[in-house]
Each structure stands twice: as C-alpha cells, then as structure tokens.
Amino acid sequence: MKSTRNAWAAAVALAVLAAGSATVAASPSADPDRKGSSEEAQLQALYRQAVAEGGRLVVYAGGDKPGQADYLKDAFEKKFPKMKADIVVDFSKNHDARVDNQIAEHHVVADVVHLQTIDDFPRWKKEGVLEKYRPVGWNKVYPQIKDKDGYYTGVFFFGFANVTATSLGSNAPVEAKDFLKPEFKNKLVFTYPNDDDAVLYYFKQLTDKYGFDYLKKLLAQHPKFVRGTQDSADLVGTGDYVASFGSSGSSSGVSTVTLPRTSPWVAWPQTGAILKNAPHKAAAKLYLSWLLSKEAQEHAIGTWSGRTDIAAPAGRKGIFDYANMNPLGLGAFMSDRAALDRYKARISLYVGDVRGVNPSDPQGVLGLHPVDQDGTQG
C-alpha cells in the first residue's frame, strides 16, 4: 500500500499536485547562470548537462516512511523523462550520520540532501564538504533561510500542528490545553519527542509556556507514543485514537489538520545542499534548481514555498506571519546541541525510552550507502 508522505503538504492540500507543466523539449542552448535567461531556459540547459553526465540522481531526503518523497521523484522524472532519480527517505538524524560516514570513507553516494537537521548545514559548510551553488530561483528565496555564500538553502517549509479525527467535528481539540479534556483520555497518540527533534521542540515550547505540569497532565491522559510522525498521524481517526499534535496530516480522509490560535506549533525550512563530492553533480544542480523553480514551488511541493514571490497555501497566512510560530525557532533550538540533549534526557524520564523499529527502514536494509552508484543498496 502506498504510504502517505510526512510533510506539511498533506496538511494544507487534499492531494499533491502533479508537476505543473508538461515536459518541454530541449530548448536552444542556454547558459544556466546567464542573467536574464528564463527559469525554463536555465533548467533545460541543466537538463542537457545532466543527461550528458549519465542521467542519474541520488537524493537523501528526511522523513519517516518509505515512499514519502515519491511525489518529488514523480514530478521531477515527469518534467525530465531522461533522468532516473532515487530519493531515499530516512530520519534526518540517520541521513546526516550516513553522509558524515560517506565523507569520512571517501565514498559519497548522495548527490543532494534535504533534511530537517538544519544545524548540520553550517557545520558542513565550515568543513568544506558542500558544493557552492546558487540554483535557479536563488534570488527569490527568503534571505533568512539561505546561506549568503550559496552553500545551502531552505527549499520549502514543513510544519507540525494538530491532527484530529474528522468525526470530532467542532469538538476537536485546537489549543494545547484542549488535549487535557477528560473525553480524550486513552484516545491520544503522539510521536516520541525524544526521537524527533522537531517534535521535541514542539514539546519544549509547551513546557516553556505551560510548565512541566502540563506534560504531567498530558501523560495522565494515557497517550500512546509511536516512532515516526507519519505513524502517529495515520493512527488518528482509526480505532480509539482521535487526536495528536506535533505531526502533519494523513491523506486518508479520516483526519484533518488545524493550527492552534494561541498555543505554539512548529514549522521550519527543510534545507538542501549539494555534496562537494557528489557523483552526479550536473544532476544535483538540475534537481536543486528544479525544486526551487517557480513552476515546482507552485505546483509540486504542496506546502509553503521557500520563495518570497509565491503565495501561501490557500487558507493560510504567510509563513512568517504567525504570532505563535517562529519558522526559524527549530534551527536555533537544534544549534545548541548541549541544551537540546539536556531537555531530551529530561523528557525521556517522563515518556520513557523510544520503542519500536525505525518506520523509514523497518527491515534495516538501507545500510551505509543507499543507493550506491550501481543502483544497489548496501
């Protein structure tokens, strides 16, 4: 069964839109960096270079279910049919360690990474392992989410808020304190906050605002904790589970997403870069440029854009316009690893150790080098 992706796209749209335009035949030669070239001309020039290179691409994408990034793979390959893309999904905290190991081994497999672990990118820049590249659309990206020197950039915004069963109707919890109502006892499901830093930051904001007494009262509701934000979202509206927060929506139709009006929630710029020793560097430049192009940002991502010239999803404010959500907050939280680890250790005393297999790699098959240059995993 095809899994739903763990992305804010599922929360702000009923379905992921297909790539915005039909595949375009190669246009006359164009310099992809030439000022004044249309975005399409730049993309087509990059496409020819990527095909000449071999037409292969490997992307490591943060997530917690296999297939969550297939919407990007499908849209990219539809736009550029001579390309073969593998987008490997795993927890960002696994992918960044995997990238570090590949760099140390001098066996880099990934061409592009886009991850939740925002704090990795300044470090990787300092270590000299990223390719300096300003992709198509670079000048339109929010300055707050891109490296001024061009080594990495936010590509779009993911977010976590409330996921509630549609059967609840107007009785669905909206604010954090609503989840403490007696009728929700034994009916809540959450992702382990000590297993996902974005969920951890969600809980950190709640305990900062309402104190640890809030957490104690929440745990008195006897919630279920699971690994992976997709699994917690998918359980809402099934069986006895009717509500969660700190996740995005399911496309099953049995649940819906709402934003708290006063209590904190979380959104962040999923950040991308090209690795300096990427095996398919032309393909990497094509993919990152396509992902930030106006066409893809309007039609393929289904969430808040990383570009300033594209409107927010229907019914939503601009990403920087919410008084109870700071889209730069997660990055600041993750940048102080000592403080983060202290909070994680404290909250682990309350929720217990993380249990369960990694839902993005349930069979333990991804290994050190997924997908290797010969197309195999290992």
Protein backbone atom coordinates (compact mmCIF):
# COMPACT_ATOMS: atom_id res chain seq x y z
CA MET A 1 0.00 0.00 0.00
CA LYS A 2 1.35 3.35 -0.95
CA SER A 3 2.30 5.37 2.14
CA THR A 4 1.37 8.99 2.64
CA ARG A 5 4.25 11.40 2.94
CA ASN A 6 5.21 13.01 6.23
CA ALA A 7 5.05 16.58 5.04
CA TRP A 8 3.05 19.69 5.67
CA ALA A 9 1.86 19.28 2.10
CA ALA A 10 -0.64 16.72 3.37
CA ALA A 11 -1.96 19.23 5.87
CA VAL A 12 -2.57 22.14 3.54
CA ALA A 13 -3.82 20.37 0.42
CA LEU A 14 -6.18 17.48 -0.24
CA ALA A 15 -3.71 15.94 -2.66
CA VAL A 16 -0.27 16.61 -4.08
CA LEU A 17 -0.49 18.33 -7.40
CA ALA A 18 1.37 16.83 -10.29
CA ALA A 19 4.26 18.64 -11.90
CA GLY A 20 2.94 21.92 -13.16
CA SER A 21 3.68 21.70 -16.84
CA ALA A 22 4.14 19.08 -19.49
CA THR A 23 7.64 18.00 -20.33
CA VAL A 24 9.33 20.55 -22.51
CA ALA A 25 11.61 19.58 -25.35
CA ALA A 26 15.19 20.76 -25.12
CA SER A 27 15.40 24.43 -25.96
CA PRO A 28 18.22 26.16 -27.80
CA SER A 29 21.49 26.28 -25.92
CA ALA A 30 21.32 28.47 -22.83
CA ASP A 31 23.84 29.24 -20.11
CA PRO A 32 22.13 28.19 -16.85
CA ASP A 33 23.85 31.00 -14.98
CA ARG A 34 23.23 33.73 -17.57
CA LYS A 35 21.33 36.67 -16.12
CA GLY A 36 18.14 37.35 -17.99
CA SER A 37 17.62 33.72 -19.03
CA SER A 38 14.18 32.45 -18.19
CA GLU A 39 13.98 29.81 -15.48
CA GLU A 40 12.80 27.30 -18.07
CA ALA A 41 15.77 28.01 -20.35
CA GLN A 42 18.14 27.57 -17.41
CA LEU A 43 16.50 24.30 -16.44
CA GLN A 44 16.68 22.94 -19.97
CA ALA A 45 20.39 23.78 -20.20
CA LEU A 46 20.99 22.00 -16.89
CA TYR A 47 18.90 19.07 -18.13
CA ARG A 48 21.12 18.58 -21.18
CA GLN A 49 24.20 18.62 -18.95
CA ALA A 50 22.67 16.09 -16.56
CA VAL A 51 21.71 13.74 -19.42
CA ALA A 52 25.23 14.02 -20.86
CA GLU A 53 26.56 13.12 -17.41
CA GLY A 54 24.55 9.90 -17.40
CA GLY A 55 21.07 10.90 -16.30
CA ARG A 56 21.34 9.55 -12.73
CA LEU A 57 20.49 11.28 -9.43
CA VAL A 58 20.54 10.20 -5.78
CA VAL A 59 18.83 12.32 -3.13
CA TYR A 60 18.75 11.66 0.61
CA ALA A 61 15.52 13.14 1.99
CA GLY A 62 14.46 13.49 5.60
CA GLY A 63 11.27 11.67 6.53
CA ASP A 64 9.96 8.65 8.35
CA LYS A 65 8.23 6.40 5.85
CA PRO A 66 9.43 4.79 2.60
CA GLY A 67 7.90 6.48 -0.40
CA GLN A 68 7.19 9.81 1.28
CA ALA A 69 9.25 11.68 -1.30
CA ASP A 70 7.80 9.86 -4.31
CA TYR A 71 5.75 12.95 -5.13
CA LEU A 72 9.02 14.79 -5.79
CA LYS A 73 10.57 11.89 -7.69
CA ASP A 74 7.47 11.52 -9.88
CA ALA A 75 7.22 15.24 -10.65
CA PHE A 76 10.96 15.51 -11.40
CA GLU A 77 11.00 12.50 -13.72
CA LYS A 78 7.84 13.68 -15.46
CA LYS A 79 9.47 17.02 -16.13
CA PHE A 80 12.79 15.45 -17.17
CA PRO A 81 11.95 12.00 -18.61
CA LYS A 82 15.55 11.10 -19.47
CA MET A 83 16.51 11.29 -15.79
CA LYS A 84 16.45 8.40 -13.29
CA ALA A 85 16.11 9.64 -9.71
CA ASP A 86 16.37 7.70 -6.46
CA ILE A 87 15.09 9.67 -3.46
CA VAL A 88 15.90 7.73 -0.31
CA VAL A 89 13.83 8.61 2.77
CA ASP A 90 15.10 8.11 6.31
CA PHE A 91 15.13 10.02 9.58
CA SER A 92 17.27 13.12 9.05
CA LYS A 93 19.32 12.16 12.11
CA ASN A 94 20.25 8.93 10.29
CA HIS A 95 20.94 10.56 6.95
CA ASP A 96 23.28 13.17 8.40
CA ALA A 97 25.32 10.48 10.17
CA ARG A 98 25.28 8.47 6.94
CA VAL A 99 26.59 11.49 5.00
CA ASP A 100 29.31 12.11 7.58
CA ASN A 101 30.36 8.47 7.29
CA GLN A 102 30.40 8.53 3.48
CA ILE A 103 32.55 11.65 3.53
CA ALA A 104 34.97 10.07 6.00
CA GLU A 105 35.12 6.90 3.88
CA HIS A 106 35.65 8.89 0.65
CA HIS A 107 32.64 7.02 -0.71
CA VAL A 108 29.97 9.66 -1.23
CA VAL A 109 26.78 8.25 -2.76
CA ALA A 110 24.26 11.05 -2.24
CA ASP A 111 24.23 13.95 -4.67
CA VAL A 112 21.71 16.15 -2.84
CA VAL A 113 20.43 16.12 0.72
CA HIS A 114 17.36 17.94 2.04
CA LEU A 115 16.92 17.41 5.74
CA GLN A 116 15.29 18.60 8.94
CA THR A 117 18.65 18.75 10.73
CA ILE A 118 19.19 22.41 9.90
CA ASP A 119 22.19 22.68 12.22
CA ASP A 120 24.20 20.29 10.03
CA PHE A 121 24.47 22.68 7.10
CA PRO A 122 26.60 25.45 8.67
CA ARG A 123 28.87 22.72 10.03
CA TRP A 124 29.18 21.03 6.67
CA LYS A 125 29.92 24.40 5.07
CA LYS A 126 32.69 25.02 7.61
CA GLU A 127 34.11 21.54 6.97
CA GLY A 128 34.24 22.27 3.23
CA VAL A 129 32.09 19.32 2.15
CA LEU A 130 29.32 21.24 0.35
CA GLU A 131 29.28 22.48 -3.23
CA LYS A 132 28.86 26.22 -3.63
CA TYR A 133 25.92 26.66 -5.96
CA ARG A 134 23.17 29.22 -6.34
CA PRO A 135 20.32 27.37 -8.05
CA VAL A 136 17.61 28.75 -10.28
CA GLY A 137 15.32 30.93 -8.17
CA TRP A 138 18.07 31.68 -5.65
CA ASN A 139 17.46 35.43 -5.65
CA LYS A 140 13.80 34.82 -4.73
CA VAL A 141 14.49 32.61 -1.69
CA TYR A 142 13.82 34.14 1.74
CA PRO A 143 17.17 35.54 2.88
CA GLN A 144 16.59 34.16 6.40
CA ILE A 145 16.74 30.56 5.18
CA LYS A 146 19.68 30.52 2.77
CA ASP A 147 23.43 30.72 3.18
CA LYS A 148 24.61 34.09 1.90
CA ASP A 149 27.56 32.41 0.18
CA GLY A 150 25.41 29.87 -1.64
CA TYR A 151 26.31 26.60 0.04
CA TYR A 152 22.82 25.62 1.21
CA THR A 153 19.25 26.87 1.15
CA GLY A 154 15.81 26.21 2.56
CA VAL A 155 13.74 24.62 -0.19
CA PHE A 156 10.24 24.64 1.35
CA PHE A 157 8.62 24.70 4.77
CA PHE A 158 7.29 21.70 6.64
CA GLY A 159 5.18 22.11 9.75
CA PHE A 160 3.61 20.19 12.61
CA ALA A 161 0.35 21.17 14.30
CA ASN A 162 -2.89 19.40 15.32
CA VAL A 163 -4.17 16.27 13.62
CA THR A 164 -7.71 15.39 14.71
CA ALA A 165 -10.35 12.90 13.65
CA THR A 166 -12.93 14.42 11.32
CA SER A 167 -15.59 12.58 13.34
CA LEU A 168 -14.98 15.01 16.23
CA GLY A 169 -16.30 17.95 14.22
CA SER A 170 -16.38 21.12 16.30
CA ASN A 171 -15.37 19.15 19.41
CA ALA A 172 -11.86 18.59 18.08
CA PRO A 173 -9.07 19.97 20.30
CA VAL A 174 -7.38 23.09 18.93
CA GLU A 175 -5.26 24.60 21.71
CA ALA A 176 -2.74 22.58 23.71
CA LYS A 177 -4.90 22.66 26.85
CA ASP A 178 -7.84 21.18 24.90
CA PHE A 179 -5.94 17.89 24.76
CA LEU A 180 -6.30 17.63 28.55
CA LYS A 181 -10.10 17.31 28.43
CA PRO A 182 -11.36 14.12 30.11
CA GLU A 183 -13.07 12.86 26.95
CA PHE A 184 -9.66 12.40 25.27
CA LYS A 185 -8.23 10.06 27.90
CA ASN A 186 -6.79 6.92 26.26
CA LYS A 187 -7.54 8.44 22.83
CA LEU A 188 -4.40 10.47 22.08
CA VAL A 189 -1.37 9.38 20.06
CA PHE A 190 1.97 11.18 19.76
CA THR A 191 5.38 10.68 18.23
CA TYR A 192 8.12 10.10 20.81
CA PRO A 193 9.53 13.61 21.35
CA ASN A 194 12.90 12.09 22.22
CA ASP A 195 13.05 10.51 18.74
CA ASP A 196 12.42 13.55 16.53
CA ASP A 197 13.92 16.99 17.20
CA ALA A 198 11.00 18.87 15.62
CA VAL A 199 8.56 17.06 17.92
CA LEU A 200 10.94 17.65 20.81
CA TYR A 201 10.90 21.37 20.03
CA TYR A 202 7.09 21.28 19.97
CA PHE A 203 7.08 19.82 23.49
CA LYS A 204 9.82 22.25 24.59
CA GLN A 205 7.68 25.21 23.61
CA LEU A 206 4.71 23.77 25.51
CA THR A 207 6.67 23.11 28.70
CA ASP A 208 8.31 26.55 28.43
CA LYS A 209 4.89 28.20 28.21
CA TYR A 210 2.78 25.99 30.48
CA GLY A 211 5.39 24.29 32.66
CA PHE A 212 6.14 20.61 33.16
CA ASP A 213 2.80 20.33 34.97
CA TYR A 214 1.25 20.47 31.51
CA LEU A 215 3.31 17.44 30.45
CA LYS A 216 2.31 15.56 33.60
CA LYS A 217 -1.37 16.25 32.92
CA LEU A 218 -0.94 15.22 29.28
CA LEU A 219 0.67 11.92 30.31
CA ALA A 220 -2.18 11.35 32.75
CA GLN A 221 -4.35 11.08 29.64
CA HIS A 222 -2.50 7.81 28.88
CA PRO A 223 -1.50 8.67 25.32
CA LYS A 224 0.14 6.17 23.00
CA PHE A 225 3.66 7.02 21.79
CA VAL A 226 4.98 5.72 18.46
CA ARG A 227 8.04 6.18 16.29
CA GLY A 228 7.62 8.43 13.28
CA THR A 229 5.30 11.38 12.79
CA GLN A 230 3.56 9.68 9.88
CA ASP A 231 2.55 6.74 12.04
CA SER A 232 1.09 8.99 14.73
CA ALA A 233 -0.86 10.96 12.11
CA ASP A 234 -2.09 7.81 10.38
CA LEU A 235 -3.47 6.39 13.63
CA VAL A 236 -5.72 9.41 14.18
CA GLY A 237 -9.26 8.57 13.13
CA THR A 238 -8.63 4.82 13.40
CA GLY A 239 -9.58 2.62 16.31
CA ASP A 240 -9.83 4.62 19.52
CA TYR A 241 -7.35 7.35 18.56
CA VAL A 242 -8.88 10.73 17.80
CA ALA A 243 -6.18 13.38 18.17
CA SER A 244 -2.49 14.23 18.06
CA PHE A 245 -0.25 17.25 17.84
CA GLY A 246 3.31 17.57 16.61
CA SER A 247 2.59 15.93 13.28
CA SER A 248 1.17 16.63 9.85
CA GLY A 249 -1.91 15.24 8.20
CA SER A 250 -2.89 11.98 6.67
CA SER A 251 -4.42 11.79 3.21
CA SER A 252 -6.82 9.05 4.36
CA GLY A 253 -9.74 11.48 4.81
CA VAL A 254 -10.43 10.39 8.39
CA SER A 255 -8.38 13.19 9.92
CA THR A 256 -7.80 16.88 9.41
CA VAL A 257 -5.18 19.45 10.42
CA THR A 258 -5.78 22.64 12.37
CA LEU A 259 -3.42 25.34 13.58
CA PRO A 260 -3.55 26.44 17.21
CA ARG A 261 -4.56 30.08 17.54
CA THR A 262 -2.58 30.80 20.72
CA SER A 263 -0.51 27.77 21.74
CA PRO A 264 2.80 27.10 19.98
CA TRP A 265 3.30 24.92 16.93
CA VAL A 266 6.28 24.21 14.68
CA ALA A 267 7.33 24.90 11.11
CA TRP A 268 10.81 25.02 9.63
CA PRO A 269 12.65 25.33 6.30
CA GLN A 270 13.62 21.88 5.08
CA THR A 271 17.16 22.65 3.99
CA GLY A 272 19.01 21.34 0.95
CA ALA A 273 22.54 21.29 -0.43
CA ILE A 274 24.75 19.54 -2.97
CA LEU A 275 27.63 17.49 -1.60
CA LYS A 276 31.03 18.59 -2.86
CA ASN A 277 31.96 15.05 -3.92
CA ALA A 278 28.56 14.23 -5.39
CA PRO A 279 28.91 11.54 -8.09
CA HIS A 280 26.31 13.24 -10.31
CA LYS A 281 26.95 16.93 -9.86
CA ALA A 282 25.15 18.11 -13.02
CA ALA A 283 22.07 16.13 -11.98
CA ALA A 284 22.32 17.60 -8.50
CA LYS A 285 22.30 21.13 -9.90
CA LEU A 286 19.33 20.30 -12.11
CA TYR A 287 17.34 18.83 -9.21
CA LEU A 288 18.01 21.66 -6.76
CA SER A 289 17.25 24.25 -9.44
CA TRP A 290 14.04 22.48 -10.44
CA LEU A 291 12.97 22.19 -6.80
CA LEU A 292 13.39 25.94 -6.29
CA SER A 293 11.93 26.92 -9.66
CA LYS A 294 8.69 28.85 -9.63
CA GLU A 295 6.94 26.05 -11.51
CA ALA A 296 7.85 23.37 -8.95
CA GLN A 297 7.26 25.62 -5.96
CA GLU A 298 3.78 26.46 -7.21
CA HIS A 299 2.72 23.01 -8.36
CA ALA A 300 4.87 20.19 -6.99
CA ILE A 301 5.58 20.81 -3.30
CA GLY A 302 2.08 21.40 -1.89
CA THR A 303 3.31 23.46 1.07
CA TRP A 304 4.68 26.88 1.97
CA SER A 305 7.28 27.90 -0.57
CA GLY A 306 10.86 28.84 0.18
CA ARG A 307 10.41 31.73 -2.28
CA THR A 308 9.13 35.19 -1.49
CA ASP A 309 7.23 35.54 -4.77
CA ILE A 310 4.81 32.64 -4.21
CA ALA A 311 1.64 32.93 -2.17
CA ALA A 312 0.96 30.86 0.95
CA PRO A 313 -1.26 27.79 0.56
CA ALA A 314 -4.97 28.55 0.39
CA GLY A 315 -6.41 29.48 3.75
CA ARG A 316 -3.02 30.02 5.40
CA LYS A 317 -1.06 33.11 6.37
CA GLY A 318 2.45 33.78 5.17
CA ILE A 319 4.96 31.53 6.90
CA PHE A 320 6.45 34.44 8.88
CA ASP A 321 3.06 35.91 9.84
CA TYR A 322 2.02 33.67 12.75
CA ALA A 323 2.40 35.19 16.22
CA ASN A 324 2.56 31.73 17.87
CA MET A 325 5.05 30.14 15.45
CA ASN A 326 8.60 31.13 14.56
CA PRO A 327 9.84 29.23 11.47
CA LEU A 328 13.44 29.96 12.49
CA GLY A 329 12.95 28.64 16.04
CA LEU A 330 13.68 24.99 15.31
CA GLY A 331 17.02 25.88 13.74
CA ALA A 332 18.03 27.90 16.80
CA PHE A 333 16.91 25.08 19.10
CA MET A 334 18.89 22.47 17.19
CA SER A 335 22.01 24.63 17.06
CA ASP A 336 22.51 24.32 20.83
CA ARG A 337 23.00 20.58 21.00
CA ALA A 338 24.04 20.55 24.65
CA ALA A 339 20.83 22.27 25.75
CA LEU A 340 18.78 20.09 23.38
CA ASP A 341 20.31 16.91 24.78
CA ARG A 342 19.63 18.03 28.36
CA TYR A 343 15.98 18.64 27.55
CA LYS A 344 15.73 15.35 25.66
CA ALA A 345 17.17 13.47 28.65
CA ARG A 346 14.69 15.16 30.97
CA ILE A 347 11.65 14.46 28.84
CA SER A 348 12.79 10.86 28.40
CA LEU A 349 12.24 10.42 32.14
CA TYR A 350 8.57 11.17 31.53
CA VAL A 351 7.80 9.42 28.22
CA GLY A 352 10.26 6.54 28.55
CA ASP A 353 12.80 5.15 26.12
CA VAL A 354 11.93 5.07 22.43
CA ARG A 355 10.49 1.71 21.42
CA GLY A 356 9.82 0.22 18.01
CA VAL A 357 11.63 -0.22 14.71
CA ASN A 358 12.61 2.70 12.51
CA PRO A 359 9.50 3.14 10.32
CA SER A 360 11.54 4.59 7.46
CA ASP A 361 13.76 1.48 7.42
CA PRO A 362 11.67 -1.27 9.02
CA GLN A 363 13.74 -4.10 7.53
CA GLY A 364 17.08 -2.46 8.30
CA VAL A 365 18.12 -2.58 4.64
CA LEU A 366 19.30 0.98 3.95
CA GLY A 367 22.76 0.40 5.35
CA LEU A 368 25.70 2.76 4.91
CA HIS A 369 25.38 3.58 1.22
CA PRO A 370 21.81 3.67 -0.10
CA VAL A 371 21.57 3.84 -3.21
CA ASP A 372 25.11 3.12 -4.45
CA GLN A 373 26.33 4.29 -7.85
CA ASP A 374 25.49 0.94 -9.42
CA GLY A 375 21.88 1.32 -8.31
CA THR A 376 22.12 -1.15 -5.44
CA GLN A 377 21.76 -0.60 -1.72
CA GLY A 378 24.33 -1.52 0.86
